[in-house]
């Protein structure tokens, strides 16, 4: 169901300390706090962003959904999303 670039995964592990495997595990455990369409859905149909809680932080995970597969594009931590979705834990 989930796919990603293994090359990108290695870069994310090295540079951001998180992998697509960790994100998929968090998703399978129900740690998606939001799933929103891409802010420019006109130019990016079938694209969205998962907001996933992992390691007491919210990570944004842009993806493209096509043919019942979800291609994960990248992972980046978000202070803004962490404050929004984990406000009780951050204060």
PDB file of N, CA and C in Angstrom:
ATOM      1  N   UNK A   1       0.820  -1.195   0.000  1.00  0.00           N
ATOM      2  CA  UNK A   1       0.000   0.000   0.000  1.00  0.00           C
ATOM      3  C   UNK A   1       0.866   1.262   0.000  1.00  0.00           C
ATOM      4  N   UNK A   2       1.883   1.309   0.855  1.00  0.00           N
ATOM      5  CA  UNK A   2       2.773   2.469   0.897  1.00  0.00           C
ATOM      6  C   UNK A   2       4.027   2.186   0.085  1.00  0.00           C
ATOM      7  N   UNK A   3       4.476   3.201  -0.636  1.00  0.00           N
ATOM      8  CA  UNK A   3       5.721   3.112  -1.398  1.00  0.00           C
ATOM      9  C   UNK A   3       6.524   4.381  -1.145  1.00  0.00           C
ATOM     10  N   UNK A   4       7.836   4.288  -1.388  1.00  0.00           N
ATOM     11  CA  UNK A   4       8.722   5.441  -1.256  1.00  0.00           C
ATOM     12  C   UNK A   4      10.025   5.155  -1.961  1.00  0.00           C
ATOM     13  N   UNK A   5      10.816   6.195  -2.108  1.00  0.00           N
ATOM     14  CA  UNK A   5      12.144   6.069  -2.693  1.00  0.00           C
ATOM     15  C   UNK A   5      13.112   5.618  -1.602  1.00  0.00           C
ATOM     16  N   UNK A   6      13.788   4.511  -1.840  1.00  0.00           N
ATOM     17  CA  UNK A   6      14.744   4.021  -0.847  1.00  0.00           C
ATOM     18  C   UNK A   6      15.910   4.995  -0.694  1.00  0.00           C
ATOM     19  N   UNK A   7      16.299   5.627  -1.785  1.00  0.00           N
ATOM     20  CA  UNK A   7      17.372   6.633  -1.732  1.00  0.00           C
ATOM     21  C   UNK A   7      16.960   7.800  -0.830  1.00  0.00           C
ATOM     22  N   UNK A   8      15.731   8.270  -0.987  1.00  0.00           N
ATOM     23  CA  UNK A   8      15.212   9.352  -0.149  1.00  0.00           C
ATOM     24  C   UNK A   8      15.132   8.897   1.308  1.00  0.00           C
ATOM     25  N   UNK A   9      14.742   7.655   1.537  1.00  0.00           N
ATOM     26  CA  UNK A   9      14.639   7.116   2.883  1.00  0.00           C
ATOM     27  C   UNK A   9      15.991   7.161   3.602  1.00  0.00           C
ATOM     28  N   UNK A  10      17.043   6.777   2.900  1.00  0.00           N
ATOM     29  CA  UNK A  10      18.387   6.808   3.489  1.00  0.00           C
ATOM     30  C   UNK A  10      18.799   8.231   3.841  1.00  0.00           C
ATOM     31  N   UNK A  11      18.474   9.187   2.961  1.00  0.00           N
ATOM     32  CA  UNK A  11      18.784  10.591   3.240  1.00  0.00           C
ATOM     33  C   UNK A  11      18.017  11.100   4.460  1.00  0.00           C
ATOM     34  N   UNK A  12      16.756  10.725   4.564  1.00  0.00           N
ATOM     35  CA  UNK A  12      15.947  11.152   5.708  1.00  0.00           C
ATOM     36  C   UNK A  12      16.486  10.582   7.014  1.00  0.00           C
ATOM     37  N   UNK A  13      16.871   9.315   6.992  1.00  0.00           N
ATOM     38  CA  UNK A  13      17.448   8.701   8.196  1.00  0.00           C
ATOM     39  C   UNK A  13      18.725   9.426   8.603  1.00  0.00           C
ATOM     40  N   UNK A  14      19.560   9.729   7.631  1.00  0.00           N
ATOM     41  CA  UNK A  14      20.839  10.383   7.908  1.00  0.00           C
ATOM     42  C   UNK A  14      20.656  11.831   8.365  1.00  0.00           C
ATOM     43  N   UNK A  15      19.799  12.583   7.663  1.00  0.00           N
ATOM     44  CA  UNK A  15      19.693  14.018   7.912  1.00  0.00           C
ATOM     45  C   UNK A  15      18.628  14.424   8.922  1.00  0.00           C
ATOM     46  N   UNK A  16      17.570  13.626   9.058  1.00  0.00           N
ATOM     47  CA  UNK A  16      16.471  14.010   9.945  1.00  0.00           C
ATOM     48  C   UNK A  16      16.205  13.004  11.053  1.00  0.00           C
ATOM     49  N   UNK A  17      16.891  11.877  11.010  1.00  0.00           N
ATOM     50  CA  UNK A  17      16.756  10.896  12.080  1.00  0.00           C
ATOM     51  C   UNK A  17      15.424  10.168  12.112  1.00  0.00           C
ATOM     52  N   UNK A  18      14.738  10.102  10.986  1.00  0.00           N
ATOM     53  CA  UNK A  18      13.460   9.386  10.907  1.00  0.00           C
ATOM     54  C   UNK A  18      13.350   8.750   9.528  1.00  0.00           C
ATOM     55  N   UNK A  19      12.634   7.637   9.469  1.00  0.00           N
ATOM     56  CA  UNK A  19      12.531   6.898   8.208  1.00  0.00           C
ATOM     57  C   UNK A  19      11.070   6.696   7.818  1.00  0.00           C
ATOM     58  N   UNK A  20      10.868   6.327   6.567  1.00  0.00           N
ATOM     59  CA  UNK A  20       9.522   6.009   6.106  1.00  0.00           C
ATOM     60  C   UNK A  20       8.967   4.801   6.855  1.00  0.00           C
ATOM     61  N   UNK A  21       9.826   3.849   7.211  1.00  0.00           N
ATOM     62  CA  UNK A  21       9.359   2.686   7.971  1.00  0.00           C
ATOM     63  C   UNK A  21       8.763   3.116   9.315  1.00  0.00           C
ATOM     64  N   UNK A  22       9.416   4.070   9.981  1.00  0.00           N
ATOM     65  CA  UNK A  22       8.901   4.566  11.259  1.00  0.00           C
ATOM     66  C   UNK A  22       7.554   5.259  11.079  1.00  0.00           C
ATOM     67  N   UNK A  23       7.426   6.019   9.997  1.00  0.00           N
ATOM     68  CA  UNK A  23       6.174   6.722   9.719  1.00  0.00           C
ATOM     69  C   UNK A  23       5.056   5.725   9.428  1.00  0.00           C
ATOM     70  N   UNK A  24       5.342   4.716   8.612  1.00  0.00           N
ATOM     71  CA  UNK A  24       4.329   3.703   8.296  1.00  0.00           C
ATOM     72  C   UNK A  24       3.910   2.962   9.564  1.00  0.00           C
ATOM     73  N   UNK A  25       4.856   2.683  10.443  1.00  0.00           N
ATOM     74  CA  UNK A  25       4.537   2.037  11.724  1.00  0.00           C
ATOM     75  C   UNK A  25       3.619   2.932  12.558  1.00  0.00           C
ATOM     76  N   UNK A  26       3.938   4.221  12.618  1.00  0.00           N
ATOM     77  CA  UNK A  26       3.096   5.162  13.367  1.00  0.00           C
ATOM     78  C   UNK A  26       1.697   5.245  12.758  1.00  0.00           C
ATOM     79  N   UNK A  27       1.625   5.269  11.428  1.00  0.00           N
ATOM     80  CA  UNK A  27       0.324   5.300  10.753  1.00  0.00           C
ATOM     81  C   UNK A  27      -0.479   4.049  11.103  1.00  0.00           C
ATOM     82  N   UNK A  28       0.173   2.891  11.087  1.00  0.00           N
ATOM     83  CA  UNK A  28      -0.529   1.630  11.376  1.00  0.00           C
ATOM     84  C   UNK A  28      -1.005   1.565  12.825  1.00  0.00           C
ATOM     85  N   UNK A  29      -0.359   2.325  13.708  1.00  0.00           N
ATOM     86  CA  UNK A  29      -0.770   2.371  15.115  1.00  0.00           C
ATOM     87  C   UNK A  29      -1.818   3.453  15.372  1.00  0.00           C
ATOM     88  N   UNK A  30      -2.232   4.148  14.308  1.00  0.00           N
ATOM     89  CA  UNK A  30      -3.270   5.166  14.454  1.00  0.00           C
ATOM     90  C   UNK A  30      -2.767   6.528  14.868  1.00  0.00           C
ATOM     91  N   UNK A  31      -1.502   6.804  14.638  1.00  0.00           N
ATOM     92  CA  UNK A  31      -0.920   8.069  15.068  1.00  0.00           C
ATOM     93  C   UNK A  31      -0.993   9.181  14.023  1.00  0.00           C
ATOM     94  N   UNK A  32      -1.915   9.068  13.070  1.00  0.00           N
ATOM     95  CA  UNK A  32      -2.162  10.157  12.124  1.00  0.00           C
ATOM     96  C   UNK A  32      -3.140  11.110  12.802  1.00  0.00           C
ATOM     97  N   UNK A  33      -2.697  12.331  13.076  1.00  0.00           N
ATOM     98  CA  UNK A  33      -3.579  13.291  13.744  1.00  0.00           C
ATOM     99  C   UNK A  33      -4.412  14.076  12.739  1.00  0.00           C
ATOM    100  N   UNK A  34      -3.974  14.108  11.472  1.00  0.00           N
ATOM    101  CA  UNK A  34      -4.749  14.762  10.413  1.00  0.00           C
ATOM    102  C   UNK A  34      -4.266  14.252   9.065  1.00  0.00           C
ATOM    103  N   UNK A  35      -5.167  14.306   8.105  1.00  0.00           N
ATOM    104  CA  UNK A  35      -4.865  13.957   6.716  1.00  0.00           C
ATOM    105  C   UNK A  35      -5.549  15.026   5.878  1.00  0.00           C
ATOM    106  N   UNK A  36      -4.751  15.945   5.334  1.00  0.00           N
ATOM    107  CA  UNK A  36      -5.315  17.089   4.628  1.00  0.00           C
ATOM    108  C   UNK A  36      -4.913  17.074   3.164  1.00  0.00           C
ATOM    109  N   UNK A  37      -5.772  17.615   2.295  1.00  0.00           N
ATOM    110  CA  UNK A  37      -5.395  17.712   0.881  1.00  0.00           C
ATOM    111  C   UNK A  37      -4.266  18.719   0.706  1.00  0.00           C
ATOM    112  N   UNK A  38      -3.526  18.582  -0.364  1.00  0.00           N
ATOM    113  CA  UNK A  38      -2.464  19.533  -0.682  1.00  0.00           C
ATOM    114  C   UNK A  38      -3.068  20.927  -0.789  1.00  0.00           C
ATOM    115  N   UNK A  39      -2.354  21.937  -0.285  1.00  0.00           N
ATOM    116  CA  UNK A  39      -2.896  23.297  -0.286  1.00  0.00           C
ATOM    117  C   UNK A  39      -3.128  23.833  -1.695  1.00  0.00           C
ATOM    118  N   UNK A  40      -2.463  23.249  -2.687  1.00  0.00           N
ATOM    119  CA  UNK A  40      -2.651  23.642  -4.086  1.00  0.00           C
ATOM    120  C   UNK A  40      -3.221  22.447  -4.856  1.00  0.00           C
ATOM    121  N   UNK A  41      -4.418  22.027  -4.447  1.00  0.00           N
ATOM    122  CA  UNK A  41      -4.998  20.808  -5.023  1.00  0.00           C
ATOM    123  C   UNK A  41      -5.336  20.945  -6.506  1.00  0.00           C
ATOM    124  N   UNK A  42      -5.454  22.174  -6.986  1.00  0.00           N
ATOM    125  CA  UNK A  42      -5.710  22.380  -8.415  1.00  0.00           C
ATOM    126  C   UNK A  42      -4.530  21.877  -9.244  1.00  0.00           C
ATOM    127  N   UNK A  43      -3.325  22.220  -8.818  1.00  0.00           N
ATOM    128  CA  UNK A  43      -2.118  21.799  -9.531  1.00  0.00           C
ATOM    129  C   UNK A  43      -1.591  20.448  -9.065  1.00  0.00           C
ATOM    130  N   UNK A  44      -2.028  20.004  -7.897  1.00  0.00           N
ATOM    131  CA  UNK A  44      -1.552  18.739  -7.345  1.00  0.00           C
ATOM    132  C   UNK A  44      -2.722  17.849  -6.932  1.00  0.00           C
ATOM    133  N   UNK A  45      -3.511  17.408  -7.910  1.00  0.00           N
ATOM    134  CA  UNK A  45      -4.618  16.513  -7.553  1.00  0.00           C
ATOM    135  C   UNK A  45      -4.068  15.185  -7.029  1.00  0.00           C
ATOM    136  N   UNK A  46      -4.805  14.551  -6.172  1.00  0.00           N
ATOM    137  CA  UNK A  46      -4.416  13.268  -5.565  1.00  0.00           C
ATOM    138  C   UNK A  46      -3.207  13.383  -4.642  1.00  0.00           C
ATOM    139  N   UNK A  47      -2.859  14.611  -4.246  1.00  0.00           N
ATOM    140  CA  UNK A  47      -1.772  14.820  -3.295  1.00  0.00           C
ATOM    141  C   UNK A  47      -2.369  15.238  -1.954  1.00  0.00           C
ATOM    142  N   UNK A  48      -1.702  14.850  -0.887  1.00  0.00           N
ATOM    143  CA  UNK A  48      -2.141  15.238   0.441  1.00  0.00           C
ATOM    144  C   UNK A  48      -0.969  15.260   1.400  1.00  0.00           C
ATOM    145  N   UNK A  49      -1.273  15.567   2.640  1.00  0.00           N
ATOM    146  CA  UNK A  49      -0.243  15.591   3.682  1.00  0.00           C
ATOM    147  C   UNK A  49      -0.791  14.878   4.910  1.00  0.00           C
ATOM    148  N   UNK A  50      -0.074  13.854   5.342  1.00  0.00           N
ATOM    149  CA  UNK A  50      -0.364  13.226   6.622  1.00  0.00           C
ATOM    150  C   UNK A  50       0.359  14.027   7.698  1.00  0.00           C
ATOM    151  N   UNK A  51      -0.295  14.246   8.822  1.00  0.00           N
ATOM    152  CA  UNK A  51       0.345  14.815  10.002  1.00  0.00           C
ATOM    153  C   UNK A  51       0.427  13.660  10.994  1.00  0.00           C
ATOM    154  N   UNK A  52       1.649  13.207  11.247  1.00  0.00           N
ATOM    155  CA  UNK A  52       1.868  11.979  11.999  1.00  0.00           C
ATOM    156  C   UNK A  52       2.625  12.277  13.289  1.00  0.00           C
ATOM    157  N   UNK A  53       2.117  11.739  14.401  1.00  0.00           N
ATOM    158  CA  UNK A  53       2.826  11.874  15.673  1.00  0.00           C
ATOM    159  C   UNK A  53       3.848  10.752  15.791  1.00  0.00           C
ATOM    160  N   UNK A  54       5.091  11.147  15.998  1.00  0.00           N
ATOM    161  CA  UNK A  54       6.175  10.185  16.219  1.00  0.00           C
ATOM    162  C   UNK A  54       7.197  10.846  17.130  1.00  0.00           C
ATOM    163  N   UNK A  55       7.643  10.134  18.117  1.00  0.00           N
ATOM    164  CA  UNK A  55       8.650  10.651  19.049  1.00  0.00           C
ATOM    165  C   UNK A  55       8.207  11.961  19.706  1.00  0.00           C
ATOM    166  N   UNK A  56       6.919  12.044  20.078  1.00  0.00           N
ATOM    167  CA  UNK A  56       6.349  13.229  20.728  1.00  0.00           C
ATOM    168  C   UNK A  56       6.463  14.490  19.880  1.00  0.00           C
ATOM    169  N   UNK A  57       6.377  14.323  18.579  1.00  0.00           N
ATOM    170  CA  UNK A  57       6.488  15.441  17.650  1.00  0.00           C
ATOM    171  C   UNK A  57       5.561  15.173  16.470  1.00  0.00           C
ATOM    172  N   UNK A  58       5.167  16.213  15.765  1.00  0.00           N
ATOM    173  CA  UNK A  58       4.351  16.038  14.567  1.00  0.00           C
ATOM    174  C   UNK A  58       5.242  16.188  13.337  1.00  0.00           C
ATOM    175  N   UNK A  59       5.164  15.181  12.481  1.00  0.00           N
ATOM    176  CA  UNK A  59       5.886  15.195  11.208  1.00  0.00           C
ATOM    177  C   UNK A  59       4.881  15.334  10.073  1.00  0.00           C
ATOM    178  N   UNK A  60       5.201  16.184   9.117  1.00  0.00           N
ATOM    179  CA  UNK A  60       4.395  16.331   7.909  1.00  0.00           C
ATOM    180  C   UNK A  60       4.940  15.352   6.880  1.00  0.00           C
ATOM    181  N   UNK A  61       4.039  14.614   6.265  1.00  0.00           N
ATOM    182  CA  UNK A  61       4.437  13.595   5.294  1.00  0.00           C
ATOM    183  C   UNK A  61       3.612  13.787   4.017  1.00  0.00           C
ATOM    184  N   UNK A  62       4.138  14.569   3.076  1.00  0.00           N
ATOM    185  CA  UNK A  62       3.434  14.732   1.800  1.00  0.00           C
ATOM    186  C   UNK A  62       3.401  13.409   1.038  1.00  0.00           C
ATOM    187  N   UNK A  63       2.284  13.180   0.348  1.00  0.00           N
ATOM    188  CA  UNK A  63       2.136  11.922  -0.387  1.00  0.00           C
ATOM    189  C   UNK A  63       1.313  12.137  -1.650  1.00  0.00           C
ATOM    190  N   UNK A  64       1.389  11.152  -2.537  1.00  0.00           N
ATOM    191  CA  UNK A  64       0.553  11.122  -3.736  1.00  0.00           C
ATOM    192  C   UNK A  64      -0.168   9.778  -3.750  1.00  0.00           C
ATOM    193  N   UNK A  65      -1.485   9.837  -3.925  1.00  0.00           N
ATOM    194  CA  UNK A  65      -2.288   8.618  -3.966  1.00  0.00           C
ATOM    195  C   UNK A  65      -2.649   8.314  -5.414  1.00  0.00           C
ATOM    196  N   UNK A  66      -2.331   7.088  -5.828  1.00  0.00           N
ATOM    197  CA  UNK A  66      -2.590   6.700  -7.209  1.00  0.00           C
ATOM    198  C   UNK A  66      -2.726   5.188  -7.303  1.00  0.00           C
ATOM    199  N   UNK A  67      -3.782   4.733  -7.969  1.00  0.00           N
ATOM    200  CA  UNK A  67      -4.007   3.294  -8.174  1.00  0.00           C
ATOM    201  C   UNK A  67      -3.959   2.508  -6.867  1.00  0.00           C
ATOM    202  N   UNK A  68      -4.632   2.983  -5.860  1.00  0.00           N
ATOM    203  CA  UNK A  68      -4.712   2.371  -4.532  1.00  0.00           C
ATOM    204  C   UNK A  68      -3.358   2.229  -3.834  1.00  0.00           C
ATOM    205  N   UNK A  69      -2.363   2.982  -4.296  1.00  0.00           N
ATOM    206  CA  UNK A  69      -1.061   3.018  -3.632  1.00  0.00           C
ATOM    207  C   UNK A  69      -0.801   4.441  -3.160  1.00  0.00           C
ATOM    208  N   UNK A  70      -0.084   4.547  -2.066  1.00  0.00           N
ATOM    209  CA  UNK A  70       0.272   5.851  -1.525  1.00  0.00           C
ATOM    210  C   UNK A  70       1.789   5.972  -1.563  1.00  0.00           C
ATOM    211  N   UNK A  71       2.265   6.935  -2.362  1.00  0.00           N
ATOM    212  CA  UNK A  71       3.701   7.171  -2.484  1.00  0.00           C
ATOM    213  C   UNK A  71       4.080   8.297  -1.533  1.00  0.00           C
ATOM    214  N   UNK A  72       4.888   7.971  -0.516  1.00  0.00           N
ATOM    215  CA  UNK A  72       5.348   8.955   0.457  1.00  0.00           C
ATOM    216  C   UNK A  72       6.520   9.714  -0.146  1.00  0.00           C
ATOM    217  N   UNK A  73       6.440  11.049  -0.134  1.00  0.00           N
ATOM    218  CA  UNK A  73       7.439  11.865  -0.819  1.00  0.00           C
ATOM    219  C   UNK A  73       8.603  12.274   0.085  1.00  0.00           C
ATOM    220  N   UNK A  74       8.302  12.735   1.289  1.00  0.00           N
ATOM    221  CA  UNK A  74       9.341  13.153   2.221  1.00  0.00           C
ATOM    222  C   UNK A  74       8.742  13.202   3.624  1.00  0.00           C
ATOM    223  N   UNK A  75       9.573  13.559   4.588  1.00  0.00           N
ATOM    224  CA  UNK A  75       9.142  13.712   5.984  1.00  0.00           C
ATOM    225  C   UNK A  75       9.844  14.950   6.524  1.00  0.00           C
ATOM    226  N   UNK A  76       9.083  15.836   7.142  1.00  0.00           N
ATOM    227  CA  UNK A  76       9.747  16.956   7.801  1.00  0.00           C
ATOM    228  C   UNK A  76       9.026  17.286   9.107  1.00  0.00           C
ATOM    229  N   UNK A  77       9.797  17.635  10.135  1.00  0.00           N
ATOM    230  CA  UNK A  77       9.195  17.988  11.419  1.00  0.00           C
ATOM    231  C   UNK A  77       8.559  19.372  11.327  1.00  0.00           C
ATOM    232  N   UNK A  78       7.484  19.580  12.075  1.00  0.00           N
ATOM    233  CA  UNK A  78       6.795  20.865  12.041  1.00  0.00           C
ATOM    234  C   UNK A  78       6.513  21.365  13.450  1.00  0.00           C
ATOM    235  N   UNK A  79       7.168  22.449  13.815  1.00  0.00           N
ATOM    236  CA  UNK A  79       6.918  23.068  15.117  1.00  0.00           C
ATOM    237  C   UNK A  79       5.478  23.574  15.173  1.00  0.00           C
ATOM    238  N   UNK A  80       5.038  24.204  14.090  1.00  0.00           N
ATOM    239  CA  UNK A  80       3.678  24.754  14.031  1.00  0.00           C
ATOM    240  C   UNK A  80       2.628  23.655  14.217  1.00  0.00           C
ATOM    241  N   UNK A  81       2.785  22.544  13.506  1.00  0.00           N
ATOM    242  CA  UNK A  81       1.830  21.437  13.629  1.00  0.00           C
ATOM    243  C   UNK A  81       1.913  20.787  15.009  1.00  0.00           C
ATOM    244  N   UNK A  82       3.110  20.701  15.567  1.00  0.00           N
ATOM    245  CA  UNK A  82       3.267  20.126  16.905  1.00  0.00           C
ATOM    246  C   UNK A  82       2.509  20.968  17.923  1.00  0.00           C
ATOM    247  N   UNK A  83       2.647  22.288  17.829  1.00  0.00           N
ATOM    248  CA  UNK A  83       1.921  23.168  18.750  1.00  0.00           C
ATOM    249  C   UNK A  83       0.414  23.051  18.554  1.00  0.00           C
ATOM    250  N   UNK A  84      -0.015  22.902  17.304  1.00  0.00           N
ATOM    251  CA  UNK A  84      -1.444  22.811  17.002  1.00  0.00           C
ATOM    252  C   UNK A  84      -2.050  21.496  17.496  1.00  0.00           C
ATOM    253  N   UNK A  85      -1.406  20.383  17.174  1.00  0.00           N
ATOM    254  CA  UNK A  85      -1.995  19.078  17.458  1.00  0.00           C
ATOM    255  C   UNK A  85      -1.604  18.491  18.811  1.00  0.00           C
ATOM    256  N   UNK A  86      -0.481  18.921  19.351  1.00  0.00           N
ATOM    257  CA  UNK A  86      -0.028  18.375  20.639  1.00  0.00           C
ATOM    258  C   UNK A  86       0.064  19.469  21.693  1.00  0.00           C
ATOM    259  N   UNK A  87      -0.847  20.436  21.635  1.00  0.00           N
ATOM    260  CA  UNK A  87      -0.759  21.591  22.526  1.00  0.00           C
ATOM    261  C   UNK A  87      -0.723  21.204  23.996  1.00  0.00           C
ATOM    262  N   UNK A  88      -1.423  20.144  24.372  1.00  0.00           N
ATOM    263  CA  UNK A  88      -1.410  19.717  25.770  1.00  0.00           C
ATOM    264  C   UNK A  88      -0.056  19.156  26.183  1.00  0.00           C
ATOM    265  N   UNK A  89       0.664  18.559  25.241  1.00  0.00           N
ATOM    266  CA  UNK A  89       1.964  17.965  25.545  1.00  0.00           C
ATOM    267  C   UNK A  89       3.096  18.975  25.456  1.00  0.00           C
ATOM    268  N   UNK A  90       2.900  20.062  24.685  1.00  0.00           N
ATOM    269  CA  UNK A  90       3.973  21.024  24.420  1.00  0.00           C
ATOM    270  C   UNK A  90       4.055  22.096  25.488  1.00  0.00           C
ATOM    271  N   UNK A  91       2.930  22.454  26.071  1.00  0.00           N
ATOM    272  CA  UNK A  91       2.901  23.568  27.025  1.00  0.00           C
ATOM    273  C   UNK A  91       3.726  23.320  28.251  1.00  0.00           C
TER     274      UNK A  91
END
